[in-house]
Amino acid sequence: MQKKIIDLTHTINGKMTVYPNTLKPSFEPSNTIERDGFAELKLTMATHTGTHIDAPCHLIKGEKALSDFPLDKFIGKAIVIDCERKDEISLELLKSRENDINEVEFVLFRSGWSRKWEEKDYFGKYPVLTAEAAQWLSEFKLKAVGFDYVSVDAMDASKLPNHRILLSKDILIIENLTCLNKLPETEFDFYAIPLKIENADGSPVRAFAELIR
């Protein structure tokens, strides 16, 4: 039995795509081998940089931070739902995979949008969960849902309703995934491990899948 690891994470660098009007990551040497005998970078970035995970307290005052969840919250069985060439993620589409959703802890949505990473079109009209689809999905015992684009809500959604529906049920949200096209249609092991930051409203993650062959 062989295992294959698929990296689902965008690389963090100073030129990367970030949500409009938010902080771009910056790097500067705080120590160098020549001067100090060792190298160390000073990194400045927001908690929702790159491939990242949202905690309930990101939008809902008084709700849980990432540090309130055990490590097991970020590991489990997952499936991918194909929403490429869809204008929206409908309840009908989700119901067609209801049996599969019942068997896993993570649902990842593959739109192919990650191909637009570092392009202006990345912030265009990607497929978004309808309100009834988000509500229906929130009734499952999921640990998190993930997307290969910038937000579970549309760019022009002022109150971020899908965020609120899911986070209010402690279903975390993983955004800016990549390489979902490399994953099988059947279930697999999924990991989205955040930094262990006290009271974090979000964190970059190293997201990856483990496939058994």
C-alpha atoms as a PDB file:
ATOM      1  CA  MET A   1       0.000   0.000   0.000  1.00  0.00           C
ATOM      2  CA  GLN A   2       1.440   3.349  -1.076  1.00  0.00           C
ATOM      3  CA  LYS A   3       0.542   6.825   0.114  1.00  0.00           C
ATOM      4  CA  LYS A   4       0.624   9.936  -2.048  1.00  0.00           C
ATOM      5  CA  ILE A   5       0.571  13.483  -0.635  1.00  0.00           C
ATOM      6  CA  ILE A   6      -1.092  16.251  -2.682  1.00  0.00           C
ATOM      7  CA  ASP A   7      -0.224  19.799  -1.628  1.00  0.00           C
ATOM      8  CA  LEU A   8      -3.301  22.047  -1.834  1.00  0.00           C
ATOM      9  CA  THR A   9      -1.616  25.238  -0.608  1.00  0.00           C
ATOM     10  CA  HIS A  10      -0.556  28.427  -2.367  1.00  0.00           C
ATOM     11  CA  THR A  11       2.980  29.598  -1.603  1.00  0.00           C
ATOM     12  CA  ILE A  12       3.208  32.714   0.578  1.00  0.00           C
ATOM     13  CA  ASN A  13       5.357  35.469  -0.915  1.00  0.00           C
ATOM     14  CA  GLY A  14       5.391  39.242  -1.233  1.00  0.00           C
ATOM     15  CA  LYS A  15       3.723  39.260  -4.661  1.00  0.00           C
ATOM     16  CA  MET A  16       0.863  36.902  -3.903  1.00  0.00           C
ATOM     17  CA  THR A  17      -2.862  37.527  -4.353  1.00  0.00           C
ATOM     18  CA  VAL A  18      -4.583  39.004  -1.309  1.00  0.00           C
ATOM     19  CA  TYR A  19      -8.159  40.093  -0.701  1.00  0.00           C
ATOM     20  CA  PRO A  20      -8.649  43.676  -1.998  1.00  0.00           C
ATOM     21  CA  ASN A  21      -7.474  46.409   0.395  1.00  0.00           C
ATOM     22  CA  THR A  22      -5.849  43.983   2.831  1.00  0.00           C
ATOM     23  CA  LEU A  23      -2.233  43.685   3.901  1.00  0.00           C
ATOM     24  CA  LYS A  24       0.226  42.026   1.533  1.00  0.00           C
ATOM     25  CA  PRO A  25       2.806  39.849   3.262  1.00  0.00           C
ATOM     26  CA  SER A  26       6.246  41.384   3.585  1.00  0.00           C
ATOM     27  CA  PHE A  27       9.607  39.797   4.378  1.00  0.00           C
ATOM     28  CA  GLU A  28      12.768  41.412   5.664  1.00  0.00           C
ATOM     29  CA  PRO A  29      15.889  39.905   7.218  1.00  0.00           C
ATOM     30  CA  SER A  30      16.051  40.522  10.956  1.00  0.00           C
ATOM     31  CA  ASN A  31      19.290  38.533  11.212  1.00  0.00           C
ATOM     32  CA  THR A  32      21.838  37.441   8.634  1.00  0.00           C
ATOM     33  CA  ILE A  33      24.555  34.789   8.603  1.00  0.00           C
ATOM     34  CA  GLU A  34      27.145  37.414   7.677  1.00  0.00           C
ATOM     35  CA  ARG A  35      26.255  39.760  10.558  1.00  0.00           C
ATOM     36  CA  ASP A  36      24.795  37.477  13.235  1.00  0.00           C
ATOM     37  CA  GLY A  37      25.885  33.961  12.376  1.00  0.00           C
ATOM     38  CA  PHE A  38      22.338  32.845  11.598  1.00  0.00           C
ATOM     39  CA  ALA A  39      19.535  33.825   9.222  1.00  0.00           C
ATOM     40  CA  GLU A  40      16.053  34.821  10.348  1.00  0.00           C
ATOM     41  CA  LEU A  41      13.249  36.587   8.488  1.00  0.00           C
ATOM     42  CA  LYS A  42      10.766  39.041   9.913  1.00  0.00           C
ATOM     43  CA  LEU A  43       7.388  38.212   8.385  1.00  0.00           C
ATOM     44  CA  THR A  44       4.419  40.590   8.473  1.00  0.00           C
ATOM     45  CA  MET A  45       1.046  39.371   7.219  1.00  0.00           C
ATOM     46  CA  ALA A  46      -2.648  39.142   8.042  1.00  0.00           C
ATOM     47  CA  THR A  47      -4.217  36.036   9.565  1.00  0.00           C
ATOM     48  CA  HIS A  48      -6.272  35.483   6.382  1.00  0.00           C
ATOM     49  CA  THR A  49      -3.328  35.356   3.988  1.00  0.00           C
ATOM     50  CA  GLY A  50      -3.131  32.844   1.156  1.00  0.00           C
ATOM     51  CA  THR A  51      -4.648  29.421   1.743  1.00  0.00           C
ATOM     52  CA  HIS A  52      -6.234  30.021   5.134  1.00  0.00           C
ATOM     53  CA  ILE A  53      -8.982  29.001   7.534  1.00  0.00           C
ATOM     54  CA  ASP A  54     -11.663  31.205   9.126  1.00  0.00           C
ATOM     55  CA  ALA A  55     -12.750  30.811  12.757  1.00  0.00           C
ATOM     56  CA  PRO A  56     -16.253  31.725  13.996  1.00  0.00           C
ATOM     57  CA  CYS A  57     -14.883  34.814  15.790  1.00  0.00           C
ATOM     58  CA  HIS A  58     -13.777  36.175  12.410  1.00  0.00           C
ATOM     59  CA  LEU A  59     -17.321  37.491  11.981  1.00  0.00           C
ATOM     60  CA  ILE A  60     -19.356  36.615  15.073  1.00  0.00           C
ATOM     61  CA  LYS A  61     -18.453  38.417  18.288  1.00  0.00           C
ATOM     62  CA  GLY A  62     -17.909  36.125  21.264  1.00  0.00           C
ATOM     63  CA  GLU A  63     -17.711  32.943  19.194  1.00  0.00           C
ATOM     64  CA  LYS A  64     -14.796  30.491  19.117  1.00  0.00           C
ATOM     65  CA  ALA A  65     -11.268  31.237  17.968  1.00  0.00           C
ATOM     66  CA  LEU A  66      -9.126  28.643  16.209  1.00  0.00           C
ATOM     67  CA  SER A  67      -7.284  28.008  19.467  1.00  0.00           C
ATOM     68  CA  ASP A  68     -10.559  26.855  21.037  1.00  0.00           C
ATOM     69  CA  PHE A  69     -10.668  23.796  18.771  1.00  0.00           C
ATOM     70  CA  PRO A  70      -8.634  20.590  19.219  1.00  0.00           C
ATOM     71  CA  LEU A  71      -6.129  19.608  16.533  1.00  0.00           C
ATOM     72  CA  ASP A  72      -8.535  16.897  15.377  1.00  0.00           C
ATOM     73  CA  LYS A  73     -10.816  19.662  14.059  1.00  0.00           C
ATOM     74  CA  PHE A  74      -8.402  20.196  11.163  1.00  0.00           C
ATOM     75  CA  ILE A  75      -8.020  16.556  10.073  1.00  0.00           C
ATOM     76  CA  GLY A  76     -10.510  14.108   8.577  1.00  0.00           C
ATOM     77  CA  LYS A  77     -12.173  12.448   5.625  1.00  0.00           C
ATOM     78  CA  ALA A  78     -13.087  14.658   2.677  1.00  0.00           C
ATOM     79  CA  ILE A  79     -14.735  14.676  -0.718  1.00  0.00           C
ATOM     80  CA  VAL A  80     -14.545  17.068  -3.649  1.00  0.00           C
ATOM     81  CA  ILE A  81     -17.670  18.454  -5.323  1.00  0.00           C
ATOM     82  CA  ASP A  82     -17.185  19.684  -8.882  1.00  0.00           C
ATOM     83  CA  CYS A  83     -18.704  23.127  -9.465  1.00  0.00           C
ATOM     84  CA  GLU A  84     -16.642  24.083 -12.492  1.00  0.00           C
ATOM     85  CA  ARG A  85     -18.643  25.851 -15.199  1.00  0.00           C
ATOM     86  CA  LYS A  86     -21.431  26.504 -12.665  1.00  0.00           C
ATOM     87  CA  ASP A  87     -22.837  29.978 -12.027  1.00  0.00           C
ATOM     88  CA  GLU A  88     -23.735  29.004  -8.472  1.00  0.00           C
ATOM     89  CA  ILE A  89     -23.556  26.068  -6.068  1.00  0.00           C
ATOM     90  CA  SER A  90     -27.177  25.052  -5.813  1.00  0.00           C
ATOM     91  CA  LEU A  91     -29.085  22.924  -3.343  1.00  0.00           C
ATOM     92  CA  GLU A  92     -29.811  20.519  -6.182  1.00  0.00           C
ATOM     93  CA  LEU A  93     -26.081  20.011  -6.774  1.00  0.00           C
ATOM     94  CA  LEU A  94     -25.445  19.354  -3.087  1.00  0.00           C
ATOM     95  CA  LYS A  95     -28.341  16.928  -2.764  1.00  0.00           C
ATOM     96  CA  SER A  96     -26.889  14.862  -5.592  1.00  0.00           C
ATOM     97  CA  ARG A  97     -23.946  14.156  -3.244  1.00  0.00           C
ATOM     98  CA  GLU A  98     -25.924  13.880  -0.002  1.00  0.00           C
ATOM     99  CA  ASN A  99     -24.863  10.312   0.764  1.00  0.00           C
ATOM    100  CA  ASP A 100     -21.206  11.211   0.285  1.00  0.00           C
ATOM    101  CA  ILE A 101     -21.494  14.362   2.439  1.00  0.00           C
ATOM    102  CA  ASN A 102     -22.972  12.266   5.236  1.00  0.00           C
ATOM    103  CA  GLU A 103     -19.841  10.092   5.293  1.00  0.00           C
ATOM    104  CA  VAL A 104     -17.156  12.795   5.552  1.00  0.00           C
ATOM    105  CA  GLU A 105     -16.029  15.716   7.713  1.00  0.00           C
ATOM    106  CA  PHE A 106     -14.810  18.078   4.991  1.00  0.00           C
ATOM    107  CA  VAL A 107     -16.384  19.120   1.694  1.00  0.00           C
ATOM    108  CA  LEU A 108     -14.129  20.839  -0.836  1.00  0.00           C
ATOM    109  CA  PHE A 109     -15.540  22.692  -3.833  1.00  0.00           C
ATOM    110  CA  ARG A 110     -13.540  22.510  -7.064  1.00  0.00           C
ATOM    111  CA  SER A 111     -14.330  25.355  -9.456  1.00  0.00           C
ATOM    112  CA  GLY A 112     -10.989  25.514 -11.258  1.00  0.00           C
ATOM    113  CA  TRP A 113     -10.777  29.144 -10.147  1.00  0.00           C
ATOM    114  CA  SER A 114      -7.298  28.658  -8.674  1.00  0.00           C
ATOM    115  CA  ARG A 115      -5.977  28.802 -12.248  1.00  0.00           C
ATOM    116  CA  LYS A 116      -6.677  32.542 -12.053  1.00  0.00           C
ATOM    117  CA  TRP A 117      -4.421  32.984  -9.004  1.00  0.00           C
ATOM    118  CA  GLU A 118      -2.364  36.195  -9.279  1.00  0.00           C
ATOM    119  CA  GLU A 119      -4.659  37.492 -12.029  1.00  0.00           C
ATOM    120  CA  LYS A 120      -7.188  40.308 -11.743  1.00  0.00           C
ATOM    121  CA  ASP A 121      -9.956  37.877 -12.773  1.00  0.00           C
ATOM    122  CA  TYR A 122      -9.434  35.954  -9.527  1.00  0.00           C
ATOM    123  CA  PHE A 123     -11.855  38.401  -7.901  1.00  0.00           C
ATOM    124  CA  GLY A 124     -14.537  37.867 -10.553  1.00  0.00           C
ATOM    125  CA  LYS A 125     -17.786  35.912 -10.461  1.00  0.00           C
ATOM    126  CA  TYR A 126     -16.815  32.546  -9.038  1.00  0.00           C
ATOM    127  CA  PRO A 127     -19.626  30.082  -8.144  1.00  0.00           C
ATOM    128  CA  VAL A 128     -21.069  30.759  -4.700  1.00  0.00           C
ATOM    129  CA  LEU A 129     -23.342  28.685  -2.466  1.00  0.00           C
ATOM    130  CA  THR A 130     -26.935  29.846  -2.673  1.00  0.00           C
ATOM    131  CA  ALA A 131     -28.497  30.812   0.669  1.00  0.00           C
ATOM    132  CA  GLU A 132     -30.592  27.638   0.761  1.00  0.00           C
ATOM    133  CA  ALA A 133     -27.570  25.496  -0.162  1.00  0.00           C
ATOM    134  CA  ALA A 134     -25.460  27.057   2.598  1.00  0.00           C
ATOM    135  CA  GLN A 135     -28.241  26.531   5.127  1.00  0.00           C
ATOM    136  CA  TRP A 136     -28.747  22.912   4.063  1.00  0.00           C
ATOM    137  CA  LEU A 137     -25.006  22.220   4.239  1.00  0.00           C
ATOM    138  CA  SER A 138     -24.801  23.756   7.710  1.00  0.00           C
ATOM    139  CA  GLU A 139     -27.048  20.983   9.068  1.00  0.00           C
ATOM    140  CA  PHE A 140     -24.346  18.344   8.490  1.00  0.00           C
ATOM    141  CA  LYS A 141     -21.727  17.458  11.104  1.00  0.00           C
ATOM    142  CA  LEU A 142     -18.878  18.910   9.103  1.00  0.00           C
ATOM    143  CA  LYS A 143     -15.611  20.226  10.483  1.00  0.00           C
ATOM    144  CA  ALA A 144     -15.050  22.616   7.589  1.00  0.00           C
ATOM    145  CA  VAL A 145     -15.791  23.404   3.965  1.00  0.00           C
ATOM    146  CA  GLY A 146     -13.152  24.525   1.469  1.00  0.00           C
ATOM    147  CA  PHE A 147     -13.012  26.451  -1.797  1.00  0.00           C
ATOM    148  CA  ASP A 148     -10.401  27.026  -4.508  1.00  0.00           C
ATOM    149  CA  TYR A 149     -11.210  30.738  -4.613  1.00  0.00           C
ATOM    150  CA  VAL A 150     -11.082  33.759  -2.364  1.00  0.00           C
ATOM    151  CA  SER A 151     -14.341  33.618  -0.357  1.00  0.00           C
ATOM    152  CA  VAL A 152     -17.389  31.506   0.446  1.00  0.00           C
ATOM    153  CA  ASP A 153     -19.370  34.687  -0.299  1.00  0.00           C
ATOM    154  CA  ALA A 154     -19.506  36.740  -3.484  1.00  0.00           C
ATOM    155  CA  MET A 155     -17.179  39.739  -3.690  1.00  0.00           C
ATOM    156  CA  ASP A 156     -20.147  42.132  -3.495  1.00  0.00           C
ATOM    157  CA  ALA A 157     -21.837  40.412  -0.520  1.00  0.00           C
ATOM    158  CA  SER A 158     -21.803  43.161   2.091  1.00  0.00           C
ATOM    159  CA  LYS A 159     -22.804  41.123   5.170  1.00  0.00           C
ATOM    160  CA  LEU A 160     -21.108  37.840   4.189  1.00  0.00           C
ATOM    161  CA  PRO A 161     -24.195  35.683   4.827  1.00  0.00           C
ATOM    162  CA  ASN A 162     -22.649  32.325   3.905  1.00  0.00           C
ATOM    163  CA  HIS A 163     -19.787  32.925   6.314  1.00  0.00           C
ATOM    164  CA  ARG A 164     -22.277  33.602   9.096  1.00  0.00           C
ATOM    165  CA  ILE A 165     -24.477  30.595   8.333  1.00  0.00           C
ATOM    166  CA  LEU A 166     -21.565  28.154   8.414  1.00  0.00           C
ATOM    167  CA  LEU A 167     -19.447  29.690  11.168  1.00  0.00           C
ATOM    168  CA  SER A 168     -22.448  29.907  13.507  1.00  0.00           C
ATOM    169  CA  LYS A 169     -22.527  26.080  13.381  1.00  0.00           C
ATOM    170  CA  ASP A 170     -18.776  25.804  14.027  1.00  0.00           C
ATOM    171  CA  ILE A 171     -18.217  24.760  10.421  1.00  0.00           C
ATOM    172  CA  LEU A 172     -14.897  26.386   9.589  1.00  0.00           C
ATOM    173  CA  ILE A 173     -14.151  27.857   6.167  1.00  0.00           C
ATOM    174  CA  ILE A 174     -10.995  27.199   4.131  1.00  0.00           C
ATOM    175  CA  GLU A 175     -10.367  29.614   1.267  1.00  0.00           C
ATOM    176  CA  ASN A 176      -7.809  29.890  -1.555  1.00  0.00           C
ATOM    177  CA  LEU A 177      -7.156  26.163  -1.931  1.00  0.00           C
ATOM    178  CA  THR A 178      -5.382  24.994  -5.069  1.00  0.00           C
ATOM    179  CA  CYS A 179      -4.738  21.803  -7.072  1.00  0.00           C
ATOM    180  CA  LEU A 180      -8.140  20.307  -6.267  1.00  0.00           C
ATOM    181  CA  ASN A 181      -8.118  18.866  -9.795  1.00  0.00           C
ATOM    182  CA  LYS A 182      -5.514  16.364  -8.568  1.00  0.00           C
ATOM    183  CA  LEU A 183      -7.938  14.793  -6.096  1.00  0.00           C
ATOM    184  CA  PRO A 184     -10.142  11.731  -6.704  1.00  0.00           C
ATOM    185  CA  GLU A 185     -13.924  11.661  -6.826  1.00  0.00           C
ATOM    186  CA  THR A 186     -13.911   9.222  -3.900  1.00  0.00           C
ATOM    187  CA  GLU A 187     -13.149  10.198  -0.279  1.00  0.00           C
ATOM    188  CA  PHE A 188      -9.623  10.818   0.954  1.00  0.00           C
ATOM    189  CA  ASP A 189      -7.781  12.019   4.060  1.00  0.00           C
ATOM    190  CA  PHE A 190      -7.541  15.811   4.313  1.00  0.00           C
ATOM    191  CA  TYR A 191      -5.459  18.092   6.530  1.00  0.00           C
ATOM    192  CA  ALA A 192      -5.651  21.883   6.916  1.00  0.00           C
ATOM    193  CA  ILE A 193      -3.342  22.706   9.814  1.00  0.00           C
ATOM    194  CA  PRO A 194      -3.319  26.298  11.113  1.00  0.00           C
ATOM    195  CA  LEU A 195      -0.641  27.987  13.165  1.00  0.00           C
ATOM    196  CA  LYS A 196      -1.253  27.623  16.903  1.00  0.00           C
ATOM    197  CA  ILE A 197      -2.040  31.294  17.577  1.00  0.00           C
ATOM    198  CA  GLU A 198      -3.930  32.227  20.718  1.00  0.00           C
ATOM    199  CA  ASN A 199      -7.394  33.690  19.998  1.00  0.00           C
ATOM    200  CA  ALA A 200      -6.826  33.617  16.231  1.00  0.00           C
ATOM    201  CA  ASP A 201      -9.735  34.693  14.002  1.00  0.00           C
ATOM    202  CA  GLY A 202      -7.997  32.867  11.177  1.00  0.00           C
ATOM    203  CA  SER A 203      -4.655  31.480  10.092  1.00  0.00           C
ATOM    204  CA  PRO A 204      -2.740  30.440   7.003  1.00  0.00           C
ATOM    205  CA  VAL A 205      -2.817  26.653   6.726  1.00  0.00           C
ATOM    206  CA  ARG A 206      -0.737  23.966   5.101  1.00  0.00           C
ATOM    207  CA  ALA A 207      -3.537  22.085   3.374  1.00  0.00           C
ATOM    208  CA  PHE A 208      -2.873  18.698   1.823  1.00  0.00           C
ATOM    209  CA  ALA A 209      -4.525  15.403   0.968  1.00  0.00           C
ATOM    210  CA  GLU A 210      -3.241  11.906   1.610  1.00  0.00           C
ATOM    211  CA  LEU A 211      -4.233   9.346  -0.999  1.00  0.00           C
ATOM    212  CA  ILE A 212      -3.901   5.591  -0.579  1.00  0.00           C
ATOM    213  CA  ARG A 213      -2.937   3.725  -3.742  1.00  0.00           C
END
